[in-house]
Each structure stands twice: as structure tokens, then as C-alpha cells.
C-alpha atoms as a PDB file:
ATOM      1  CA  UNK A   1      92.177  97.201 119.613  1.00  0.00           C
ATOM      2  CA  UNK A   2      95.635  97.163 118.139  1.00  0.00           C
ATOM      3  CA  UNK A   3      99.147  95.297 118.321  1.00  0.00           C
ATOM      4  CA  UNK A   4     101.270  97.410 120.243  1.00  0.00           C
ATOM      5  CA  UNK A   5     103.915  97.450 117.649  1.00  0.00           C
ATOM      6  CA  UNK A   6     102.681  97.291 113.955  1.00  0.00           C
ATOM      7  CA  UNK A   7      99.214  97.715 114.257  1.00  0.00           C
ATOM      8  CA  UNK A   8      97.168  94.713 113.368  1.00  0.00           C
ATOM      9  CA  UNK A   9      94.500  93.443 115.133  1.00  0.00           C
ATOM     10  CA  UNK A  10      95.017  92.346 119.077  1.00  0.00           C
ATOM     11  CA  UNK A  11      95.176  88.326 119.662  1.00  0.00           C
ATOM     12  CA  UNK A  12      95.965  88.737 123.407  1.00  0.00           C
ATOM     13  CA  UNK A  13      98.495  90.784 125.780  1.00  0.00           C
ATOM     14  CA  UNK A  14      97.969  94.343 123.439  1.00  0.00           C
ATOM     15  CA  UNK A  15      99.493  92.162 121.283  1.00  0.00           C
ATOM     16  CA  UNK A  16      99.134  90.888 117.642  1.00  0.00           C
ATOM     17  CA  UNK A  17      99.608  86.589 117.317  1.00  0.00           C
ATOM     18  CA  UNK A  18     103.384  87.512 116.148  1.00  0.00           C
ATOM     19  CA  UNK A  19     104.896  89.967 118.600  1.00  0.00           C
ATOM     20  CA  UNK A  20     102.167  88.165 121.389  1.00  0.00           C
ATOM     21  CA  UNK A  21     105.161  84.944 120.822  1.00  0.00           C
ATOM     22  CA  UNK A  22     107.778  87.401 120.952  1.00  0.00           C
ATOM     23  CA  UNK A  23     106.777  88.755 123.956  1.00  0.00           C
ATOM     24  CA  UNK A  24     105.737  86.257 125.551  1.00  0.00           C
ATOM     25  CA  UNK A  25     109.233  83.950 125.180  1.00  0.00           C
ATOM     26  CA  UNK A  26     110.900  87.542 126.105  1.00  0.00           C
ATOM     27  CA  UNK A  27     109.475  87.780 129.366  1.00  0.00           C
ATOM     28  CA  UNK A  28     110.149  83.903 130.061  1.00  0.00           C
ATOM     29  CA  UNK A  29     113.318  84.479 129.563  1.00  0.00           C
ATOM     30  CA  UNK A  30     113.968  87.512 132.025  1.00  0.00           C
ATOM     31  CA  UNK A  31     111.878  86.097 134.854  1.00  0.00           C
ATOM     32  CA  UNK A  32     114.086  83.133 135.227  1.00  0.00           C
ATOM     33  CA  UNK A  33     117.108  85.406 135.361  1.00  0.00           C
ATOM     34  CA  UNK A  34     115.797  87.839 137.216  1.00  0.00           C
ATOM     35  CA  UNK A  35     115.476  84.882 139.645  1.00  0.00           C
ATOM     36  CA  UNK A  36     118.093  83.189 138.987  1.00  0.00           C
ATOM     37  CA  UNK A  37     115.672  79.487 138.455  1.00  0.00           C
ATOM     38  CA  UNK A  38     118.250  77.555 136.724  1.00  0.00           C
ATOM     39  CA  UNK A  39     121.535  76.063 137.992  1.00  0.00           C
ATOM     40  CA  UNK A  40     123.769  74.676 135.185  1.00  0.00           C
ATOM     41  CA  UNK A  41     123.100  70.794 134.155  1.00  0.00           C
ATOM     42  CA  UNK A  42     120.247  70.423 136.511  1.00  0.00           C
ATOM     43  CA  UNK A  43     117.874  67.796 136.297  1.00  0.00           C
ATOM     44  CA  UNK A  44     114.365  69.280 136.061  1.00  0.00           C
ATOM     45  CA  UNK A  45     111.020  67.528 136.447  1.00  0.00           C
ATOM     46  CA  UNK A  46     108.193  70.080 135.186  1.00  0.00           C
ATOM     47  CA  UNK A  47     105.088  69.128 137.288  1.00  0.00           C
ATOM     48  CA  UNK A  48     101.636  71.416 137.218  1.00  0.00           C
ATOM     49  CA  UNK A  49      98.785  71.912 135.259  1.00  0.00           C
ATOM     50  CA  UNK A  50     101.333  73.370 132.018  1.00  0.00           C
ATOM     51  CA  UNK A  51     104.469  71.639 132.241  1.00  0.00           C
ATOM     52  CA  UNK A  52     104.023  71.096 128.385  1.00  0.00           C
ATOM     53  CA  UNK A  53     104.322  75.073 127.820  1.00  0.00           C
ATOM     54  CA  UNK A  54     107.927  74.734 130.043  1.00  0.00           C
ATOM     55  CA  UNK A  55     108.923  72.477 128.585  1.00  0.00           C
ATOM     56  CA  UNK A  56     108.594  73.569 125.026  1.00  0.00           C
ATOM     57  CA  UNK A  57     110.167  76.948 126.042  1.00  0.00           C
ATOM     58  CA  UNK A  58     112.832  75.584 128.413  1.00  0.00           C
ATOM     59  CA  UNK A  59     113.669  73.051 124.907  1.00  0.00           C
ATOM     60  CA  UNK A  60     113.836  76.857 123.234  1.00  0.00           C
ATOM     61  CA  UNK A  61     116.272  77.702 125.329  1.00  0.00           C
ATOM     62  CA  UNK A  62     118.685  74.236 124.912  1.00  0.00           C
ATOM     63  CA  UNK A  63     117.615  73.009 128.024  1.00  0.00           C
ATOM     64  CA  UNK A  64     116.804  69.058 127.932  1.00  0.00           C
ATOM     65  CA  UNK A  65     113.707  68.611 130.409  1.00  0.00           C
ATOM     66  CA  UNK A  66     113.720  64.555 130.881  1.00  0.00           C
ATOM     67  CA  UNK A  67     110.444  62.895 129.155  1.00  0.00           C
ATOM     68  CA  UNK A  68     110.067  60.305 132.610  1.00  0.00           C
ATOM     69  CA  UNK A  69     110.730  61.759 136.054  1.00  0.00           C
ATOM     70  CA  UNK A  70     113.945  62.020 137.298  1.00  0.00           C
ATOM     71  CA  UNK A  71     114.515  61.281 141.362  1.00  0.00           C
ATOM     72  CA  UNK A  72     117.165  63.339 141.481  1.00  0.00           C
ATOM     73  CA  UNK A  73     115.392  66.120 139.315  1.00  0.00           C
ATOM     74  CA  UNK A  74     114.341  69.606 140.703  1.00  0.00           C
ATOM     75  CA  UNK A  75     110.680  69.866 141.014  1.00  0.00           C
ATOM     76  CA  UNK A  76     109.281  72.561 138.573  1.00  0.00           C
ATOM     77  CA  UNK A  77     105.951  74.027 139.105  1.00  0.00           C
ATOM     78  CA  UNK A  78     103.743  75.166 136.247  1.00  0.00           C
ATOM     79  CA  UNK A  79     101.003  77.467 137.445  1.00  0.00           C
ATOM     80  CA  UNK A  80      99.765  80.662 136.295  1.00  0.00           C
ATOM     81  CA  UNK A  81      99.617  83.752 138.391  1.00  0.00           C
ATOM     82  CA  UNK A  82      95.958  83.021 138.505  1.00  0.00           C
ATOM     83  CA  UNK A  83      96.047  79.712 140.380  1.00  0.00           C
ATOM     84  CA  UNK A  84      98.928  81.505 142.978  1.00  0.00           C
ATOM     85  CA  UNK A  85      96.854  84.116 143.772  1.00  0.00           C
ATOM     86  CA  UNK A  86      93.997  81.902 144.675  1.00  0.00           C
ATOM     87  CA  UNK A  87      95.832  79.291 146.407  1.00  0.00           C
ATOM     88  CA  UNK A  88      97.669  81.755 148.525  1.00  0.00           C
ATOM     89  CA  UNK A  89      94.505  83.570 149.440  1.00  0.00           C
ATOM     90  CA  UNK A  90      92.438  80.075 150.127  1.00  0.00           C
ATOM     91  CA  UNK A  91      95.583  79.216 152.453  1.00  0.00           C
ATOM     92  CA  UNK A  92      95.802  82.784 154.104  1.00  0.00           C
ATOM     93  CA  UNK A  93      92.151  83.153 154.927  1.00  0.00           C
ATOM     94  CA  UNK A  94      92.132  79.151 155.890  1.00  0.00           C
ATOM     95  CA  UNK A  95      95.154  79.700 158.109  1.00  0.00           C
ATOM     96  CA  UNK A  96      96.613  77.105 156.371  1.00  0.00           C
ATOM     97  CA  UNK A  97     100.822  76.818 155.536  1.00  0.00           C
ATOM     98  CA  UNK A  98     101.633  80.355 153.318  1.00  0.00           C
ATOM     99  CA  UNK A  99     104.607  78.421 151.318  1.00  0.00           C
ATOM    100  CA  UNK A 100     104.151  78.260 148.070  1.00  0.00           C
ATOM    101  CA  UNK A 101     106.664  76.178 145.365  1.00  0.00           C
ATOM    102  CA  UNK A 102     108.153  78.660 142.616  1.00  0.00           C
ATOM    103  CA  UNK A 103     106.357  78.662 139.321  1.00  0.00           C
ATOM    104  CA  UNK A 104     108.331  79.209 135.723  1.00  0.00           C
ATOM    105  CA  UNK A 105     104.938  80.409 134.312  1.00  0.00           C
ATOM    106  CA  UNK A 106     103.728  82.385 137.771  1.00  0.00           C
ATOM    107  CA  UNK A 107     104.611  85.776 135.281  1.00  0.00           C
ATOM    108  CA  UNK A 108     102.002  84.963 133.166  1.00  0.00           C
ATOM    109  CA  UNK A 109      98.134  85.264 133.116  1.00  0.00           C
ATOM    110  CA  UNK A 110      96.411  81.508 132.663  1.00  0.00           C
ATOM    111  CA  UNK A 111      95.126  83.386 129.493  1.00  0.00           C
ATOM    112  CA  UNK A 112      98.390  83.750 128.019  1.00  0.00           C
ATOM    113  CA  UNK A 113      99.342  80.547 128.956  1.00  0.00           C
ATOM    114  CA  UNK A 114      96.786  79.007 126.745  1.00  0.00           C
ATOM    115  CA  UNK A 115      97.061  81.522 124.074  1.00  0.00           C
ATOM    116  CA  UNK A 116     100.204  80.892 123.764  1.00  0.00           C
ATOM    117  CA  UNK A 117     100.355  77.135 124.036  1.00  0.00           C
ATOM    118  CA  UNK A 118      97.276  77.240 121.299  1.00  0.00           C
ATOM    119  CA  UNK A 119      99.665  79.348 119.289  1.00  0.00           C
ATOM    120  CA  UNK A 120     102.192  76.607 119.450  1.00  0.00           C
ATOM    121  CA  UNK A 121     100.593  73.884 119.512  1.00  0.00           C
ATOM    122  CA  UNK A 122     100.716  72.707 122.859  1.00  0.00           C
ATOM    123  CA  UNK A 123      98.433  71.144 125.476  1.00  0.00           C
ATOM    124  CA  UNK A 124      97.142  72.311 129.203  1.00  0.00           C
ATOM    125  CA  UNK A 125      95.136  71.977 131.081  1.00  0.00           C
ATOM    126  CA  UNK A 126      92.237  73.702 133.489  1.00  0.00           C
ATOM    127  CA  UNK A 127      93.865  73.708 137.254  1.00  0.00           C
ATOM    128  CA  UNK A 128      92.436  71.656 140.108  1.00  0.00           C
ATOM    129  CA  UNK A 129      90.618  73.555 142.628  1.00  0.00           C
ATOM    130  CA  UNK A 130      88.878  73.103 145.932  1.00  0.00           C
ATOM    131  CA  UNK A 131      85.064  75.097 146.226  1.00  0.00           C
ATOM    132  CA  UNK A 132      86.435  77.032 148.280  1.00  0.00           C
ATOM    133  CA  UNK A 133      89.575  78.173 145.515  1.00  0.00           C
ATOM    134  CA  UNK A 134      86.970  78.095 143.109  1.00  0.00           C
ATOM    135  CA  UNK A 135      84.736  80.786 144.418  1.00  0.00           C
ATOM    136  CA  UNK A 136      87.855  82.712 144.847  1.00  0.00           C
ATOM    137  CA  UNK A 137      88.939  82.107 141.207  1.00  0.00           C
ATOM    138  CA  UNK A 138      85.253  84.088 140.136  1.00  0.00           C
ATOM    139  CA  UNK A 139      85.623  86.731 142.651  1.00  0.00           C
ATOM    140  CA  UNK A 140      88.962  87.337 140.740  1.00  0.00           C
ATOM    141  CA  UNK A 141      88.199  87.191 137.038  1.00  0.00           C
ATOM    142  CA  UNK A 142      85.022  89.363 138.122  1.00  0.00           C
ATOM    143  CA  UNK A 143      86.497  92.154 139.613  1.00  0.00           C
ATOM    144  CA  UNK A 144      89.246  91.612 136.506  1.00  0.00           C
ATOM    145  CA  UNK A 145      86.663  91.947 133.996  1.00  0.00           C
ATOM    146  CA  UNK A 146      85.686  94.964 135.935  1.00  0.00           C
ATOM    147  CA  UNK A 147      88.598  97.264 136.500  1.00  0.00           C
ATOM    148  CA  UNK A 148      91.204  95.935 133.632  1.00  0.00           C
ATOM    149  CA  UNK A 149      94.271  97.944 135.383  1.00  0.00           C
ATOM    150  CA  UNK A 150      94.034  94.961 138.163  1.00  0.00           C
ATOM    151  CA  UNK A 151      94.689  92.271 135.607  1.00  0.00           C
ATOM    152  CA  UNK A 152      98.162  93.023 135.103  1.00  0.00           C
ATOM    153  CA  UNK A 153      98.836  94.245 138.772  1.00  0.00           C
ATOM    154  CA  UNK A 154      98.192  90.557 140.008  1.00  0.00           C
ATOM    155  CA  UNK A 155     102.121  89.480 139.626  1.00  0.00           C
ATOM    156  CA  UNK A 156     103.212  91.842 141.259  1.00  0.00           C
ATOM    157  CA  UNK A 157     100.503  92.104 144.502  1.00  0.00           C
ATOM    158  CA  UNK A 158     101.554  88.777 145.015  1.00  0.00           C
ATOM    159  CA  UNK A 159     104.662  89.337 145.078  1.00  0.00           C
ATOM    160  CA  UNK A 160     104.270  91.279 148.585  1.00  0.00           C
ATOM    161  CA  UNK A 161     101.529  89.365 150.075  1.00  0.00           C
ATOM    162  CA  UNK A 162     104.394  86.524 149.893  1.00  0.00           C
ATOM    163  CA  UNK A 163     106.468  89.425 151.355  1.00  0.00           C
ATOM    164  CA  UNK A 164     104.034  90.939 153.769  1.00  0.00           C
ATOM    165  CA  UNK A 165     102.864  86.229 154.655  1.00  0.00           C
ATOM    166  CA  UNK A 166     107.146  86.239 155.648  1.00  0.00           C
ATOM    167  CA  UNK A 167     107.239  89.226 158.029  1.00  0.00           C
ATOM    168  CA  UNK A 168     104.351  87.902 159.537  1.00  0.00           C
ATOM    169  CA  UNK A 169     105.710  84.438 160.601  1.00  0.00           C
END
């Protein structure tokens, strides 16, 4: 496939390397502002498998992120929408607590995060999943491969899933 903007060979999410990077950063800023995730002068403790990506993006926005854990800082997660979907479905099926912390990267798939990290030469690690969550993750990936349109609906699906869970309580 070709890039949506310049018709060069696709790198990820229907964009070439140059346009993918700007798309990723623009989507990150939009996600933060839409969900009002940042407050002025607050200290952030970034946790999770993609913390280097979040730190890089926040530094790009002019926000200072402490390298060391600060006890007064707000906890910020860095998991992808894939990880959130698997964890929520797993908890729902096992009748556990359904509260998931909000992630700064929950609007991206793990594949998109990995590609961005590779472009910016950042480290990421694989999410730690239980056996049950690993099976769910495998099923989700298989269904996304068979029906690619589902791939882009995951974020909206999880938002709706969270609303239903809140109403059912």
C-alpha cells in the first residue's frame, strides 16, 4: 500500500515513515487534550512497558518527566489499546475488578507504538500477560488479521465497553 499523504511505500498505519511520525505525535497531543490528561506543573511518574515513548513525547511537549520515581507524582501508565482490551476482557470474564487506569498511549496499538519507538530509537518491552490474557491476545490478533477494519475500531470498542461496565455496577 501507499502512504495516504505522499504515495510513498507504507511504513505503518497507512503512512510513510515521515508522515507516520507526525501522525503519531499529532494523535498523542489530541488524545491528551481531548481527555484533559495533563495539569499544569504536576510531577508525573511514567510506568509500563512503553514508558520511554511517553517520556519522549512529553519532553517533546516541553513537559519535564523525572527520571527517578517521585512519591508526590501522579502515576501515568503507558500501555497500548491492545493491552488494555486484553486486560479488561480478562477481568470481565473472570469477574474481577474492572477499573483500568488511563494510559497516555491507549489510543495506539502496540504495533504503532513499536514502530514509533523504532523510528525514534527508543526502548520498549513486551507487556506481561497471564496465560489467560495471552490466549485472549492471540484470539484478538487472529480476528484483526482476518478482518483489518476491526483493528481501527478497538479503541472505540474499549471506550464503549468501559461505559457498559460502569452502567452495570
